[in-house]
Amino acid sequence: MNGGTYTLLIHLPEQTTIEVGALGEFTLSPGAYAYTGSALGNGGFARVDRHRQVARGDNGTKHWHVDYLTGHAQTTLVDDVTAGVDAECRVARSLPTSPVPGFGASDCDCHSHIAYASQIGALREQVKQAYAGLDT
């Protein structure tokens, strides 16, 4: 399988207001954010590479909610975690509550697919635990 589920770990150093497409404007606290998505279509995990391009400023097109966050000047895409299984909602639901309802969850019934924690290390551990139980 060349695709599956991925989680992007994103650092935001200071409180920032971000416009997230049709979801509207949100003020985000400084800290760590984990966005969980799927890369099951053509190209598979090339989608993660695209997210990295947006974060570097090499691609300004905003297709998904997360592009508004990774494309913001204040954020840094720190890392990603992947698994070759379809577990997007299961991973998203196992992470801390989101400050942005509906973020990345327009095609499912999840509250959100972005999680928040004040420290990147703590959130990274929670993401690793969420992926540890997946069959890859």
N, C-alpha and C. Protein backbone atom coordinates (compact mmCIF):
# COMPACT_ATOMS: atom_id res chain seq x y z
N MET A 1 0.85 -1.19 0.00
CA MET A 1 0.00 0.00 0.00
C MET A 1 0.89 1.24 0.00
N ASN A 2 0.62 2.15 -0.88
CA ASN A 2 1.44 3.37 -0.93
C ASN A 2 0.77 4.55 -0.25
N GLY A 3 -0.27 4.30 0.48
CA GLY A 3 -0.98 5.36 1.20
C GLY A 3 -1.56 4.82 2.48
N GLY A 4 -2.34 5.63 3.14
CA GLY A 4 -2.96 5.24 4.40
C GLY A 4 -3.37 6.46 5.19
N THR A 5 -3.00 6.47 6.46
CA THR A 5 -3.35 7.54 7.39
C THR A 5 -2.08 8.29 7.79
N TYR A 6 -2.20 9.59 7.96
CA TYR A 6 -1.04 10.38 8.39
C TYR A 6 -1.49 11.41 9.41
N THR A 7 -0.55 11.81 10.25
CA THR A 7 -0.76 12.90 11.20
C THR A 7 0.41 13.85 11.09
N LEU A 8 0.10 15.13 10.90
CA LEU A 8 1.11 16.17 10.84
C LEU A 8 1.24 16.81 12.22
N LEU A 9 2.45 16.97 12.71
CA LEU A 9 2.70 17.67 13.97
C LEU A 9 3.16 19.09 13.64
N ILE A 10 2.43 20.06 14.16
CA ILE A 10 2.62 21.46 13.80
C ILE A 10 2.84 22.28 15.06
N HIS A 11 3.83 23.17 15.03
CA HIS A 11 4.11 24.04 16.17
C HIS A 11 3.67 25.47 15.84
N LEU A 12 3.01 26.09 16.80
CA LEU A 12 2.60 27.49 16.70
C LEU A 12 3.18 28.22 17.91
N PRO A 13 4.16 29.11 17.70
CA PRO A 13 4.86 29.72 18.83
C PRO A 13 4.10 30.80 19.59
N GLU A 14 3.11 31.40 18.95
CA GLU A 14 2.37 32.48 19.62
C GLU A 14 0.91 32.46 19.19
N GLN A 15 0.06 33.06 20.00
CA GLN A 15 -1.36 33.13 19.67
C GLN A 15 -1.52 33.78 18.30
N THR A 16 -2.34 33.16 17.46
CA THR A 16 -2.49 33.61 16.08
C THR A 16 -3.93 33.42 15.63
N THR A 17 -4.44 34.37 14.88
CA THR A 17 -5.76 34.25 14.29
C THR A 17 -5.59 33.81 12.85
N ILE A 18 -6.29 32.74 12.48
CA ILE A 18 -6.17 32.16 11.15
C ILE A 18 -7.55 32.00 10.54
N GLU A 19 -7.68 32.42 9.29
CA GLU A 19 -8.90 32.19 8.51
C GLU A 19 -8.79 30.79 7.93
N VAL A 20 -9.78 29.93 8.21
CA VAL A 20 -9.76 28.53 7.75
C VAL A 20 -10.89 28.32 6.74
N GLY A 21 -10.71 28.86 5.55
CA GLY A 21 -11.69 28.68 4.48
C GLY A 21 -13.10 28.97 4.94
N ALA A 22 -14.02 28.07 4.58
CA ALA A 22 -15.43 28.23 4.90
C ALA A 22 -15.73 28.06 6.39
N LEU A 23 -14.80 27.49 7.16
CA LEU A 23 -15.02 27.34 8.61
C LEU A 23 -14.98 28.68 9.32
N GLY A 24 -14.28 29.63 8.74
CA GLY A 24 -14.21 30.96 9.34
C GLY A 24 -12.89 31.23 10.02
N GLU A 25 -12.90 32.24 10.88
CA GLU A 25 -11.70 32.72 11.55
C GLU A 25 -11.62 32.13 12.95
N PHE A 26 -10.40 31.67 13.32
CA PHE A 26 -10.18 31.09 14.64
C PHE A 26 -8.92 31.66 15.24
N THR A 27 -8.97 31.94 16.54
CA THR A 27 -7.79 32.35 17.27
C THR A 27 -7.23 31.11 17.94
N LEU A 28 -6.00 30.77 17.57
CA LEU A 28 -5.35 29.56 18.07
C LEU A 28 -4.31 29.90 19.12
N SER A 29 -4.29 29.12 20.18
CA SER A 29 -3.33 29.30 21.25
C SER A 29 -1.96 28.81 20.82
N PRO A 30 -0.91 29.35 21.43
CA PRO A 30 0.42 28.83 21.13
C PRO A 30 0.53 27.38 21.62
N GLY A 31 1.30 26.59 20.92
CA GLY A 31 1.48 25.20 21.32
C GLY A 31 1.59 24.29 20.12
N ALA A 32 1.11 23.07 20.29
CA ALA A 32 1.25 22.03 19.28
C ALA A 32 -0.11 21.61 18.75
N TYR A 33 -0.14 21.33 17.47
CA TYR A 33 -1.36 20.87 16.80
C TYR A 33 -1.03 19.60 16.02
N ALA A 34 -1.95 18.67 16.02
CA ALA A 34 -1.78 17.43 15.26
C ALA A 34 -2.98 17.29 14.34
N TYR A 35 -2.71 17.31 13.04
CA TYR A 35 -3.76 17.15 12.04
C TYR A 35 -3.69 15.74 11.47
N THR A 36 -4.80 15.03 11.50
CA THR A 36 -4.86 13.67 10.97
C THR A 36 -5.68 13.64 9.70
N GLY A 37 -5.12 13.03 8.66
CA GLY A 37 -5.78 12.94 7.37
C GLY A 37 -5.56 11.59 6.73
N SER A 38 -6.14 11.43 5.56
CA SER A 38 -5.95 10.17 4.83
C SER A 38 -5.28 10.45 3.50
N ALA A 39 -4.51 9.48 3.06
CA ALA A 39 -3.81 9.55 1.79
C ALA A 39 -4.07 8.23 1.07
N LEU A 40 -5.34 7.99 0.77
CA LEU A 40 -5.74 6.70 0.20
C LEU A 40 -5.91 6.74 -1.31
N GLY A 41 -5.98 7.91 -1.88
CA GLY A 41 -6.21 8.03 -3.32
C GLY A 41 -4.93 7.93 -4.11
N ASN A 42 -5.01 8.33 -5.37
CA ASN A 42 -3.83 8.32 -6.23
C ASN A 42 -2.74 9.17 -5.60
N GLY A 43 -1.54 8.66 -5.63
CA GLY A 43 -0.41 9.40 -5.06
C GLY A 43 -0.09 9.02 -3.64
N GLY A 44 -1.05 8.48 -2.91
CA GLY A 44 -0.80 8.03 -1.54
C GLY A 44 -0.16 9.09 -0.68
N PHE A 45 0.96 8.73 -0.05
CA PHE A 45 1.62 9.63 0.89
C PHE A 45 2.30 10.82 0.23
N ALA A 46 2.19 10.95 -1.09
CA ALA A 46 2.67 12.17 -1.75
C ALA A 46 1.90 13.37 -1.20
N ARG A 47 0.72 13.12 -0.65
CA ARG A 47 -0.06 14.20 -0.04
C ARG A 47 0.72 14.84 1.12
N VAL A 48 1.44 14.04 1.87
CA VAL A 48 2.25 14.57 2.97
C VAL A 48 3.35 15.48 2.40
N ASP A 49 3.95 15.06 1.29
CA ASP A 49 4.96 15.91 0.63
C ASP A 49 4.35 17.23 0.21
N ARG A 50 3.11 17.21 -0.28
CA ARG A 50 2.43 18.44 -0.67
C ARG A 50 2.22 19.34 0.54
N HIS A 51 1.83 18.76 1.68
CA HIS A 51 1.67 19.56 2.89
C HIS A 51 2.99 20.22 3.29
N ARG A 52 4.09 19.51 3.11
CA ARG A 52 5.41 20.08 3.41
C ARG A 52 5.72 21.24 2.47
N GLN A 53 5.32 21.13 1.21
CA GLN A 53 5.53 22.22 0.25
C GLN A 53 4.75 23.46 0.67
N VAL A 54 3.51 23.27 1.10
CA VAL A 54 2.70 24.40 1.58
C VAL A 54 3.36 25.03 2.80
N ALA A 55 3.85 24.21 3.71
CA ALA A 55 4.49 24.72 4.93
C ALA A 55 5.77 25.50 4.61
N ARG A 56 6.50 25.10 3.58
CA ARG A 56 7.72 25.81 3.18
C ARG A 56 7.42 27.06 2.36
N GLY A 57 6.19 27.20 1.90
CA GLY A 57 5.84 28.33 1.05
C GLY A 57 6.05 28.06 -0.42
N ASP A 58 6.34 26.80 -0.78
CA ASP A 58 6.57 26.43 -2.18
C ASP A 58 5.27 26.18 -2.94
N ASN A 59 4.17 26.13 -2.24
CA ASN A 59 2.87 25.88 -2.86
C ASN A 59 1.84 26.69 -2.08
N GLY A 60 1.23 27.67 -2.71
CA GLY A 60 0.28 28.55 -2.03
C GLY A 60 -1.18 28.15 -2.19
N THR A 61 -1.44 27.05 -2.91
CA THR A 61 -2.82 26.61 -3.13
C THR A 61 -3.37 25.95 -1.87
N LYS A 62 -4.54 26.38 -1.46
CA LYS A 62 -5.17 25.84 -0.26
C LYS A 62 -6.35 24.95 -0.65
N HIS A 63 -6.11 23.64 -0.63
CA HIS A 63 -7.15 22.66 -0.95
C HIS A 63 -7.91 22.21 0.30
N TRP A 64 -7.17 22.03 1.40
CA TRP A 64 -7.74 21.45 2.62
C TRP A 64 -7.61 22.43 3.78
N HIS A 65 -8.41 22.20 4.82
CA HIS A 65 -8.37 23.06 6.00
C HIS A 65 -6.94 23.21 6.53
N VAL A 66 -6.20 22.10 6.58
CA VAL A 66 -4.86 22.14 7.16
C VAL A 66 -3.92 23.06 6.39
N ASP A 67 -4.19 23.29 5.11
CA ASP A 67 -3.35 24.20 4.32
C ASP A 67 -3.37 25.62 4.89
N TYR A 68 -4.48 26.02 5.50
CA TYR A 68 -4.58 27.35 6.09
C TYR A 68 -3.69 27.46 7.33
N LEU A 69 -3.49 26.34 8.02
CA LEU A 69 -2.62 26.33 9.19
C LEU A 69 -1.16 26.17 8.80
N THR A 70 -0.86 25.15 8.00
CA THR A 70 0.54 24.93 7.62
C THR A 70 1.08 26.05 6.74
N GLY A 71 0.21 26.71 5.99
CA GLY A 71 0.63 27.80 5.13
C GLY A 71 0.77 29.14 5.83
N HIS A 72 0.42 29.20 7.10
CA HIS A 72 0.52 30.45 7.86
C HIS A 72 1.97 30.68 8.28
N ALA A 73 2.42 31.92 8.19
CA ALA A 73 3.82 32.26 8.46
C ALA A 73 4.28 31.89 9.88
N GLN A 74 3.37 31.85 10.85
CA GLN A 74 3.76 31.59 12.23
C GLN A 74 3.95 30.10 12.55
N THR A 75 3.49 29.21 11.67
CA THR A 75 3.53 27.79 12.00
C THR A 75 4.75 27.09 11.41
N THR A 76 5.12 25.98 12.05
CA THR A 76 6.19 25.12 11.56
C THR A 76 5.68 23.69 11.53
N LEU A 77 5.81 23.04 10.39
CA LEU A 77 5.48 21.62 10.28
C LEU A 77 6.69 20.86 10.80
N VAL A 78 6.55 20.27 11.98
CA VAL A 78 7.67 19.67 12.70
C VAL A 78 7.94 18.24 12.25
N ASP A 79 6.89 17.45 12.06
CA ASP A 79 7.07 16.03 11.80
C ASP A 79 5.77 15.45 11.27
N ASP A 80 5.84 14.21 10.81
CA ASP A 80 4.63 13.49 10.43
C ASP A 80 4.78 12.03 10.86
N VAL A 81 3.64 11.41 11.08
CA VAL A 81 3.57 9.99 11.42
C VAL A 81 2.61 9.37 10.42
N THR A 82 2.98 8.20 9.87
CA THR A 82 2.14 7.56 8.87
C THR A 82 1.93 6.09 9.20
N ALA A 83 0.85 5.54 8.66
CA ALA A 83 0.57 4.11 8.76
C ALA A 83 -0.18 3.70 7.49
N GLY A 84 0.14 2.55 6.97
CA GLY A 84 -0.45 2.08 5.73
C GLY A 84 -1.81 1.44 5.91
N VAL A 85 -2.66 2.06 6.72
CA VAL A 85 -4.02 1.58 6.95
C VAL A 85 -5.00 2.74 6.92
N ASP A 86 -6.26 2.44 6.71
CA ASP A 86 -7.32 3.44 6.71
C ASP A 86 -7.83 3.59 8.14
N ALA A 87 -7.28 4.54 8.89
CA ALA A 87 -7.63 4.71 10.30
C ALA A 87 -7.75 6.19 10.68
N GLU A 88 -8.02 7.03 9.70
CA GLU A 88 -8.06 8.48 9.92
C GLU A 88 -8.95 8.86 11.10
N CYS A 89 -10.20 8.45 11.09
CA CYS A 89 -11.14 8.84 12.15
C CYS A 89 -10.76 8.21 13.48
N ARG A 90 -10.31 6.97 13.46
CA ARG A 90 -9.92 6.30 14.71
C ARG A 90 -8.77 7.04 15.38
N VAL A 91 -7.77 7.45 14.60
CA VAL A 91 -6.64 8.20 15.16
C VAL A 91 -7.11 9.56 15.65
N ALA A 92 -7.86 10.28 14.83
CA ALA A 92 -8.32 11.63 15.20
C ALA A 92 -9.13 11.60 16.50
N ARG A 93 -9.97 10.60 16.66
CA ARG A 93 -10.82 10.51 17.86
C ARG A 93 -10.03 10.14 19.11
N SER A 94 -8.84 9.58 18.94
CA SER A 94 -8.04 9.17 20.11
C SER A 94 -7.14 10.30 20.62
N LEU A 95 -7.09 11.40 19.90
CA LEU A 95 -6.23 12.52 20.29
C LEU A 95 -7.02 13.56 21.08
N PRO A 96 -6.33 14.51 21.72
CA PRO A 96 -7.03 15.52 22.55
C PRO A 96 -8.09 16.30 21.76
N THR A 97 -9.01 16.89 22.49
CA THR A 97 -10.10 17.65 21.91
C THR A 97 -9.58 18.82 21.09
N SER A 98 -10.27 19.10 20.02
CA SER A 98 -9.88 20.16 19.10
C SER A 98 -10.44 21.51 19.50
N PRO A 99 -9.66 22.57 19.26
CA PRO A 99 -10.16 23.92 19.46
C PRO A 99 -10.94 24.44 18.24
N VAL A 100 -10.96 23.65 17.14
CA VAL A 100 -11.62 24.09 15.91
C VAL A 100 -12.60 23.01 15.45
N PRO A 101 -13.87 23.13 15.81
CA PRO A 101 -14.86 22.14 15.39
C PRO A 101 -14.94 22.04 13.86
N GLY A 102 -15.02 20.83 13.36
CA GLY A 102 -15.18 20.59 11.93
C GLY A 102 -13.90 20.62 11.12
N PHE A 103 -12.79 20.99 11.73
CA PHE A 103 -11.52 21.11 11.01
C PHE A 103 -11.11 19.76 10.44
N GLY A 104 -11.04 19.66 9.12
CA GLY A 104 -10.63 18.43 8.46
C GLY A 104 -11.63 17.31 8.52
N ALA A 105 -12.83 17.60 9.00
CA ALA A 105 -13.83 16.55 9.20
C ALA A 105 -15.11 16.82 8.42
N SER A 106 -14.98 17.43 7.25
CA SER A 106 -16.17 17.77 6.48
C SER A 106 -16.80 16.56 5.80
N ASP A 107 -16.08 15.43 5.74
CA ASP A 107 -16.63 14.25 5.09
C ASP A 107 -16.86 13.08 6.06
N CYS A 108 -16.96 13.40 7.36
CA CYS A 108 -17.24 12.36 8.36
C CYS A 108 -18.01 12.98 9.52
N ASP A 109 -18.30 12.18 10.54
CA ASP A 109 -19.06 12.72 11.67
C ASP A 109 -18.18 12.99 12.90
N CYS A 110 -16.87 13.07 12.70
CA CYS A 110 -15.96 13.40 13.80
C CYS A 110 -16.13 14.87 14.20
N HIS A 111 -15.83 15.18 15.46
CA HIS A 111 -15.85 16.57 15.92
C HIS A 111 -14.84 17.39 15.14
N SER A 112 -13.65 16.83 14.94
CA SER A 112 -12.57 17.53 14.27
C SER A 112 -11.43 16.56 14.00
N HIS A 113 -10.54 16.92 13.09
CA HIS A 113 -9.36 16.10 12.84
C HIS A 113 -8.08 16.84 13.21
N ILE A 114 -8.23 17.88 14.04
CA ILE A 114 -7.04 18.56 14.54
C ILE A 114 -7.11 18.56 16.07
N ALA A 115 -5.99 18.24 16.68
CA ALA A 115 -5.90 18.16 18.14
C ALA A 115 -4.91 19.23 18.62
N TYR A 116 -5.02 19.57 19.90
CA TYR A 116 -4.17 20.60 20.48
C TYR A 116 -3.58 20.12 21.80
N ALA A 117 -2.34 20.51 22.04
CA ALA A 117 -1.70 20.33 23.35
C ALA A 117 -0.71 21.49 23.52
N SER A 118 -0.44 21.85 24.73
CA SER A 118 0.44 23.00 24.95
C SER A 118 1.90 22.68 24.60
N GLN A 119 2.28 21.41 24.67
CA GLN A 119 3.67 21.02 24.40
C GLN A 119 3.76 20.01 23.26
N ILE A 120 4.67 20.22 22.33
CA ILE A 120 4.82 19.33 21.18
C ILE A 120 5.22 17.92 21.60
N GLY A 121 6.08 17.80 22.61
CA GLY A 121 6.53 16.48 23.06
C GLY A 121 5.38 15.62 23.56
N ALA A 122 4.50 16.21 24.35
CA ALA A 122 3.35 15.47 24.87
C ALA A 122 2.42 15.05 23.75
N LEU A 123 2.18 15.94 22.80
CA LEU A 123 1.29 15.60 21.70
C LEU A 123 1.92 14.54 20.80
N ARG A 124 3.22 14.62 20.57
CA ARG A 124 3.91 13.61 19.77
C ARG A 124 3.74 12.22 20.39
N GLU A 125 3.86 12.14 21.71
CA GLU A 125 3.67 10.86 22.40
C GLU A 125 2.25 10.34 22.23
N GLN A 126 1.26 11.21 22.32
CA GLN A 126 -0.13 10.80 22.14
C GLN A 126 -0.37 10.30 20.72
N VAL A 127 0.25 10.94 19.75
CA VAL A 127 0.13 10.51 18.35
C VAL A 127 0.77 9.13 18.20
N LYS A 128 1.96 8.96 18.75
CA LYS A 128 2.65 7.66 18.65
C LYS A 128 1.80 6.55 19.28
N GLN A 129 1.18 6.83 20.41
CA GLN A 129 0.31 5.84 21.06
C GLN A 129 -0.89 5.51 20.18
N ALA A 130 -1.46 6.51 19.53
CA ALA A 130 -2.62 6.28 18.66
C ALA A 130 -2.24 5.37 17.50
N TYR A 131 -1.03 5.51 16.98
CA TYR A 131 -0.59 4.70 15.86
C TYR A 131 -0.08 3.32 16.29
N ALA A 132 0.34 3.20 17.54
CA ALA A 132 0.91 1.92 18.03
C ALA A 132 -0.10 0.78 17.93
N GLY A 133 -1.37 1.07 18.08
CA GLY A 133 -2.38 0.01 18.06
C GLY A 133 -2.89 -0.33 16.67
N LEU A 134 -2.38 0.31 15.64
CA LEU A 134 -2.86 0.07 14.28
C LEU A 134 -2.12 -1.10 13.65
N ASP A 135 -2.82 -1.87 12.87
CA ASP A 135 -2.18 -2.94 12.09
C ASP A 135 -1.68 -2.33 10.79
N THR A 136 -0.38 -2.31 10.59
CA THR A 136 0.16 -1.72 9.36
C THR A 136 0.60 -2.77 8.37
